Amino acid sequence: MTLPLRLGLIGCGRAAERLWLAAFRAVHEVRLAAVVDPQADRRAALSRQTPGCRMLERLEELALGRDVDAVVVTSPPETHFDLARRALEAGCPVLVEKPLASTVAQAIELDRLRRSTGTPLMVGLNRRWWAPVRALRERLSHRGSGECRAELVFVTNAAEWAAVAGVPDLLDDLGTHQLDLLRFLFDREIASVSARHTAASTVEMEVKLADGSSARCRIGHDGSSTESIFVTGGSLVAWIHGGSDRLSPAAGSVRATLDFADRALHKMTGRRSAMRRSFEHQLRAFAGAVRSRAEPSPDAADGLAAVRAVAAARASLARGGTPVTP
């Protein structure tokens, strides 16, 4: 019988509390062996939910590769580079929540390190594991030639989330997901990004892909939480939105009825939504990569591409919406 992998969780913020702990409980291939966070109250909060798990204040108290087989980094973005670097230098596989790093130079260094050490490095872009997204990617892979048009809207209520480290950067938080999803769905690189503020906590982006396809993206921190992806191209019309596991029909009473029935079924059976289950799929894939020492997906190169695209969006914001090439 294969024993579960011993994982360390670095960072006890809201994402760890509300999303990652549930994933650890659902994925039997892993066991949460240690939690690291400098704040005593956060360690105490997670300790009540993870009996028998070691609670540590500093990463130095954890013997990487000996006390744990791998680590998951869910700390604030500005800490990702240093924590991932230390794990890689110790030869310890690491899953780093998005964004991979704060700068392009840092992301390049982590990509170099994982290559030189041969240590698996996975980036926590969980929307790639959202079931309807994977179904849409499959459909798009068979679309043949021709350009597509996408509209993505990701809005959260930042005050309601009450992040422990404060309100996250909008582009790091939501822009990273959207820009990565466009690369993933269309299997094309981003050619240019044009971005502008339409409100204090809202950014709109126009993104061009290498095959001529394009997307309009909106991200915000000051509205009712919603996520939607609408794609058209040729005969394809697909709509994904939070709370639904479906792609089609893209609108109308039939879709509304099906979505309502799905939500009712989830509530009756206690089944987690496809979005919530994406964290489980991601964690299970990471465990497989750790055991096989194989290249995980999304890897450091994907994380680097997302950091480059976000950097292009920032540059465009500073230039009044001028398109910028990553």
Protein backbone atom coordinates (compact mmCIF):
# COMPACT_ATOMS: atom_id res chain seq x y z
CA MET A 1 0.00 0.00 0.00
CA THR A 2 1.37 3.43 -0.99
CA LEU A 3 1.48 5.88 1.89
CA PRO A 4 0.07 9.40 1.33
CA LEU A 5 2.58 12.10 0.48
CA ARG A 6 3.41 14.35 3.42
CA LEU A 7 2.79 17.94 2.40
CA GLY A 8 3.58 21.21 4.09
CA LEU A 9 1.26 24.19 3.71
CA ILE A 10 3.03 27.56 3.81
CA GLY A 11 0.60 30.37 4.52
CA CYS A 12 -2.65 30.30 6.52
CA GLY A 13 -4.67 33.00 4.79
CA ARG A 14 -8.24 32.84 3.53
CA ALA A 15 -7.36 30.70 0.49
CA ALA A 16 -5.78 28.08 2.74
CA GLU A 17 -8.67 28.20 5.20
CA ARG A 18 -11.57 28.21 2.75
CA LEU A 19 -10.21 26.30 -0.25
CA TRP A 20 -7.05 24.32 0.36
CA LEU A 21 -8.01 22.57 3.61
CA ALA A 22 -11.10 21.11 1.95
CA ALA A 23 -8.94 19.91 -0.95
CA PHE A 24 -6.50 18.22 1.44
CA ARG A 25 -9.36 16.41 3.13
CA ALA A 26 -10.75 15.20 -0.20
CA VAL A 27 -7.47 14.01 -1.79
CA HIS A 28 -6.41 10.79 -0.12
CA GLU A 29 -3.08 10.66 -1.97
CA VAL A 30 -1.75 13.37 0.34
CA ARG A 31 -1.61 14.17 4.05
CA LEU A 32 -1.18 17.61 5.54
CA ALA A 33 1.83 17.12 7.81
CA ALA A 34 2.85 20.69 8.66
CA VAL A 35 1.58 24.25 8.45
CA VAL A 36 3.83 27.32 8.48
CA ASP A 37 2.65 30.86 9.22
CA PRO A 38 4.21 33.72 11.23
CA GLN A 39 0.85 34.71 12.80
CA ALA A 40 -0.10 32.73 15.90
CA ASP A 41 -3.83 33.39 15.48
CA ARG A 42 -3.78 31.99 11.95
CA ARG A 43 -1.90 28.87 13.07
CA ALA A 44 -4.47 28.42 15.84
CA ALA A 45 -7.36 28.78 13.37
CA LEU A 46 -5.99 26.02 11.14
CA SER A 47 -4.90 23.86 14.08
CA ARG A 48 -8.52 23.41 15.13
CA GLN A 49 -9.29 21.98 11.69
CA THR A 50 -6.16 19.83 11.29
CA PRO A 51 -5.58 17.79 14.47
CA GLY A 52 -2.16 16.14 14.62
CA CYS A 53 -0.61 18.56 12.12
CA ARG A 54 2.58 20.37 13.15
CA MET A 55 2.13 24.14 13.49
CA LEU A 56 5.29 26.13 12.80
CA GLU A 57 6.11 29.83 12.86
CA ARG A 58 9.02 29.84 10.41
CA LEU A 59 10.01 27.79 7.38
CA GLU A 60 13.42 27.20 8.98
CA GLU A 61 11.66 24.92 11.50
CA LEU A 62 10.65 22.56 8.68
CA ALA A 63 13.19 20.14 7.21
CA LEU A 64 12.27 20.27 3.52
CA GLY A 65 12.49 16.83 1.96
CA ARG A 66 12.70 15.10 5.34
CA ASP A 67 9.73 16.29 7.42
CA VAL A 68 7.64 16.72 4.28
CA ASP A 69 7.82 15.35 0.74
CA ALA A 70 6.63 18.57 -0.91
CA VAL A 71 5.16 21.97 -0.05
CA VAL A 72 2.21 24.10 -1.17
CA VAL A 73 2.79 27.87 -0.98
CA THR A 74 -0.38 29.88 -0.31
CA SER A 75 1.24 32.93 1.31
CA PRO A 76 0.94 36.52 -0.08
CA PRO A 77 2.29 37.00 -3.65
CA GLU A 78 5.31 39.05 -2.59
CA THR A 79 6.63 36.02 -0.65
CA HIS A 80 6.22 33.46 -3.45
CA PHE A 81 9.64 33.90 -5.02
CA ASP A 82 11.69 33.47 -1.86
CA LEU A 83 9.68 30.52 -0.54
CA ALA A 84 9.67 28.69 -3.89
CA ARG A 85 13.38 29.37 -4.35
CA ARG A 86 14.20 27.89 -0.96
CA ALA A 87 12.13 24.79 -1.69
CA LEU A 88 13.74 24.25 -5.10
CA GLU A 89 17.25 24.73 -3.72
CA ALA A 90 16.45 22.02 -1.15
CA GLY A 91 15.23 19.71 -3.93
CA CYS A 92 11.69 19.82 -2.49
CA PRO A 93 8.81 19.84 -5.03
CA VAL A 94 6.60 22.90 -4.69
CA LEU A 95 3.17 24.06 -5.79
CA VAL A 96 3.08 27.87 -5.74
CA GLU A 97 -0.23 29.71 -5.77
CA LYS A 98 -0.54 32.29 -8.54
CA PRO A 99 1.22 34.50 -9.38
CA LEU A 100 4.45 32.53 -9.60
CA ALA A 101 6.45 35.64 -8.67
CA SER A 102 6.15 39.42 -8.41
CA THR A 103 8.44 40.22 -11.35
CA VAL A 104 9.44 38.70 -14.65
CA ALA A 105 13.06 38.44 -13.47
CA GLN A 106 11.99 36.43 -10.41
CA ALA A 107 9.84 34.10 -12.51
CA ILE A 108 12.75 33.53 -14.91
CA GLU A 109 15.00 32.65 -11.96
CA LEU A 110 12.49 30.09 -10.62
CA ASP A 111 12.16 28.55 -14.08
CA ARG A 112 15.95 28.29 -14.25
CA LEU A 113 16.13 26.73 -10.79
CA ARG A 114 13.54 24.06 -11.46
CA ARG A 115 15.42 23.11 -14.65
CA SER A 116 18.83 22.95 -12.98
CA THR A 117 17.59 20.99 -9.96
CA GLY A 118 15.12 18.75 -11.80
CA THR A 119 12.59 19.52 -9.06
CA PRO A 120 8.87 19.66 -9.94
CA LEU A 121 7.41 23.18 -9.74
CA MET A 122 3.69 23.61 -10.31
CA VAL A 123 1.78 26.90 -10.40
CA GLY A 124 -1.60 27.15 -8.68
CA LEU A 125 -3.73 28.23 -11.62
CA ASN A 126 -6.76 26.25 -10.50
CA ARG A 127 -9.12 27.56 -13.18
CA ARG A 128 -7.31 25.24 -15.60
CA TRP A 129 -8.81 22.39 -13.56
CA TRP A 130 -12.36 23.78 -13.62
CA ALA A 131 -14.31 21.02 -15.42
CA PRO A 132 -16.22 23.23 -17.92
CA VAL A 133 -12.97 25.03 -18.82
CA ARG A 134 -11.33 21.73 -19.71
CA ALA A 135 -14.37 20.74 -21.76
CA LEU A 136 -14.25 24.05 -23.63
CA ARG A 137 -10.54 23.64 -24.32
CA GLU A 138 -11.29 20.25 -25.88
CA ARG A 139 -13.94 21.78 -28.13
CA LEU A 140 -11.65 24.61 -29.15
CA SER A 141 -8.91 22.14 -30.08
CA HIS A 142 -11.20 20.78 -32.82
CA ARG A 143 -12.44 24.13 -34.11
CA GLY A 144 -10.12 24.16 -37.15
CA SER A 145 -8.96 27.46 -38.60
CA GLY A 146 -10.64 30.75 -37.91
CA GLU A 147 -10.58 33.39 -35.24
CA CYS A 148 -12.58 33.28 -32.04
CA ARG A 149 -13.85 36.00 -29.75
CA ALA A 150 -14.00 35.62 -25.96
CA GLU A 151 -15.44 37.72 -23.16
CA LEU A 152 -14.27 37.07 -19.61
CA VAL A 153 -15.68 38.71 -16.49
CA PHE A 154 -14.17 37.95 -13.08
CA VAL A 155 -15.45 40.10 -10.20
CA THR A 156 -15.11 39.51 -6.47
CA ASN A 157 -16.22 41.37 -3.39
CA ALA A 158 -12.81 42.01 -1.83
CA ALA A 159 -14.32 43.30 1.43
CA GLU A 160 -16.39 40.13 1.83
CA TRP A 161 -13.33 37.92 1.27
CA ALA A 162 -11.53 39.79 4.08
CA ALA A 163 -8.05 38.70 3.06
CA VAL A 164 -5.69 38.35 6.03
CA ALA A 165 -2.90 40.18 4.17
CA GLY A 166 -5.20 42.97 2.98
CA VAL A 167 -6.88 43.60 -0.38
CA PRO A 168 -4.84 41.78 -3.04
CA ASP A 169 -3.54 43.43 -6.17
CA LEU A 170 -6.28 43.23 -8.81
CA LEU A 171 -4.08 42.05 -11.67
CA ASP A 172 -2.26 39.49 -9.51
CA ASP A 173 -5.52 38.21 -8.08
CA LEU A 174 -7.85 38.01 -11.10
CA GLY A 175 -5.88 39.20 -14.12
CA THR A 176 -3.44 36.31 -13.77
CA HIS A 177 -6.29 33.80 -14.02
CA GLN A 178 -7.83 35.40 -17.10
CA LEU A 179 -4.60 35.85 -19.02
CA ASP A 180 -3.50 32.29 -18.25
CA LEU A 181 -6.90 30.89 -19.22
CA LEU A 182 -6.69 32.51 -22.65
CA ARG A 183 -3.34 30.77 -23.30
CA PHE A 184 -4.75 27.50 -21.96
CA LEU A 185 -8.08 27.55 -23.79
CA PHE A 186 -6.78 28.59 -27.20
CA ASP A 187 -3.33 26.98 -26.94
CA ARG A 188 -1.83 30.18 -28.31
CA GLU A 189 0.54 32.78 -26.91
CA ILE A 190 -0.65 36.27 -26.06
CA ALA A 191 0.38 38.78 -28.71
CA SER A 192 -0.63 42.00 -26.96
CA VAL A 193 -2.51 43.37 -23.98
CA SER A 194 -4.27 46.72 -23.75
CA ALA A 195 -5.54 47.68 -20.29
CA ARG A 196 -7.29 50.64 -18.70
CA HIS A 197 -9.07 51.47 -15.46
CA THR A 198 -12.82 51.97 -15.86
CA ALA A 199 -13.24 52.51 -12.10
CA ALA A 200 -10.96 52.61 -9.07
CA SER A 201 -11.23 48.84 -8.55
CA THR A 202 -12.05 47.75 -12.11
CA VAL A 203 -9.77 47.07 -15.08
CA GLU A 204 -10.76 46.20 -18.64
CA MET A 205 -8.31 44.51 -20.99
CA GLU A 206 -8.34 43.83 -24.71
CA VAL A 207 -6.15 40.82 -25.43
CA LYS A 208 -4.93 39.64 -28.83
CA LEU A 209 -3.71 36.09 -29.36
CA ALA A 210 -1.12 34.86 -31.85
CA ASP A 211 -3.76 33.28 -34.13
CA GLY A 212 -5.79 36.47 -34.41
CA SER A 213 -8.38 35.51 -31.82
CA SER A 214 -9.20 38.19 -29.27
CA ALA A 215 -10.76 38.64 -25.87
CA ARG A 216 -12.31 41.38 -23.83
CA CYS A 217 -11.61 40.91 -20.14
CA ARG A 218 -13.04 42.69 -17.11
CA ILE A 219 -11.79 42.25 -13.56
CA GLY A 220 -13.07 43.96 -10.44
CA HIS A 221 -12.92 43.92 -6.67
CA ASP A 222 -16.01 45.94 -5.82
CA GLY A 223 -19.08 44.04 -6.99
CA SER A 224 -21.08 40.90 -6.49
CA SER A 225 -18.87 37.86 -7.03
CA THR A 226 -19.21 36.48 -10.54
CA GLU A 227 -17.09 34.58 -13.04
CA SER A 228 -18.07 34.03 -16.65
CA ILE A 229 -16.38 33.02 -19.89
CA PHE A 230 -18.24 33.47 -23.19
CA VAL A 231 -16.65 32.19 -26.42
CA THR A 232 -17.88 32.40 -30.00
CA GLY A 233 -16.21 31.26 -33.22
CA GLY A 234 -17.67 29.60 -36.29
CA SER A 235 -20.43 27.30 -35.07
CA LEU A 236 -19.15 27.32 -31.48
CA VAL A 237 -21.04 29.27 -28.83
CA ALA A 238 -20.18 28.41 -25.23
CA TRP A 239 -20.81 30.03 -21.88
CA ILE A 240 -19.24 29.15 -18.56
CA HIS A 241 -20.24 30.80 -15.34
CA GLY A 242 -19.59 30.22 -11.67
CA GLY A 243 -22.01 27.78 -10.05
CA SER A 244 -22.56 25.83 -13.26
CA ASP A 245 -20.77 22.79 -14.66
CA ARG A 246 -22.12 23.38 -18.18
CA LEU A 247 -21.03 24.98 -21.45
CA SER A 248 -24.32 25.08 -23.32
CA PRO A 249 -26.92 26.13 -24.15
CA ALA A 250 -25.24 29.51 -23.93
CA ALA A 251 -28.36 31.37 -22.83
CA GLY A 252 -32.11 31.13 -22.44
CA SER A 253 -34.64 29.43 -20.21
CA VAL A 254 -33.35 25.90 -20.86
CA ARG A 255 -29.88 26.80 -19.55
CA ALA A 256 -31.36 28.61 -16.57
CA THR A 257 -33.49 25.56 -15.71
CA LEU A 258 -30.56 23.15 -16.04
CA ASP A 259 -28.34 25.34 -13.86
CA PHE A 260 -31.05 25.65 -11.23
CA ALA A 261 -31.48 21.87 -11.16
CA ASP A 262 -27.71 21.39 -10.83
CA ARG A 263 -27.52 23.80 -7.89
CA ALA A 264 -30.42 22.06 -6.17
CA LEU A 265 -28.78 18.66 -6.68
CA HIS A 266 -25.46 19.93 -5.28
CA LYS A 267 -27.25 21.29 -2.23
CA MET A 268 -29.18 18.08 -1.62
CA THR A 269 -26.18 15.77 -2.04
CA GLY A 270 -23.53 18.02 -0.50
CA ARG A 271 -21.51 17.80 -3.70
CA ARG A 272 -18.96 20.57 -4.09
CA SER A 273 -19.17 22.82 -7.15
CA ALA A 274 -16.89 22.24 -10.13
CA MET A 275 -14.95 25.36 -9.14
CA ARG A 276 -14.31 24.04 -5.63
CA ARG A 277 -13.37 20.63 -6.99
CA SER A 278 -10.76 22.26 -9.22
CA PHE A 279 -8.52 22.58 -6.17
CA GLU A 280 -8.84 18.83 -5.57
CA HIS A 281 -7.95 18.01 -9.19
CA GLN A 282 -4.99 20.38 -9.00
CA LEU A 283 -3.70 18.86 -5.75
CA ARG A 284 -4.10 15.32 -7.09
CA ALA A 285 -2.14 16.25 -10.24
CA PHE A 286 0.61 17.76 -8.11
CA ALA A 287 0.85 14.57 -6.03
CA GLY A 288 1.22 12.55 -9.22
CA ALA A 289 4.01 14.81 -10.47
CA VAL A 290 5.83 14.57 -7.14
CA ARG A 291 5.72 10.77 -7.13
CA SER A 292 6.86 10.44 -10.74
CA ARG A 293 9.20 13.48 -10.66
CA ALA A 294 7.51 14.40 -13.94
CA GLU A 295 6.91 17.90 -15.28
CA PRO A 296 3.62 19.15 -13.80
CA SER A 297 1.10 21.27 -15.63
CA PRO A 298 0.84 24.20 -15.35
CA ASP A 299 4.59 24.46 -14.87
CA ALA A 300 7.07 27.27 -14.30
CA ALA A 301 7.01 28.20 -18.00
CA ASP A 302 3.24 28.71 -17.79
CA GLY A 303 3.67 30.74 -14.62
CA LEU A 304 6.34 32.85 -16.31
CA ALA A 305 4.08 33.49 -19.31
CA ALA A 306 1.32 34.66 -16.97
CA VAL A 307 3.72 36.99 -15.13
CA ARG A 308 4.87 38.43 -18.47
CA ALA A 309 1.26 39.03 -19.55
CA VAL A 310 0.40 40.75 -16.25
CA ALA A 311 3.52 42.91 -16.62
CA ALA A 312 2.32 43.90 -20.10
CA ALA A 313 -1.08 44.85 -18.65
CA ARG A 314 0.60 47.02 -16.00
CA ALA A 315 2.70 48.72 -18.66
CA SER A 316 -0.40 49.37 -20.76
CA LEU A 317 -2.21 50.90 -17.76
CA ALA A 318 0.73 53.24 -17.27
CA ARG A 319 0.63 54.23 -20.95
CA GLY A 320 -3.08 55.00 -21.11
CA GLY A 321 -4.18 51.74 -22.71
CA THR A 322 -1.56 51.41 -25.43
CA PRO A 323 -1.23 47.73 -26.51
CA VAL A 324 1.89 46.12 -25.06
CA THR A 325 3.54 42.87 -26.15
CA PRO A 326 4.46 40.53 -23.27
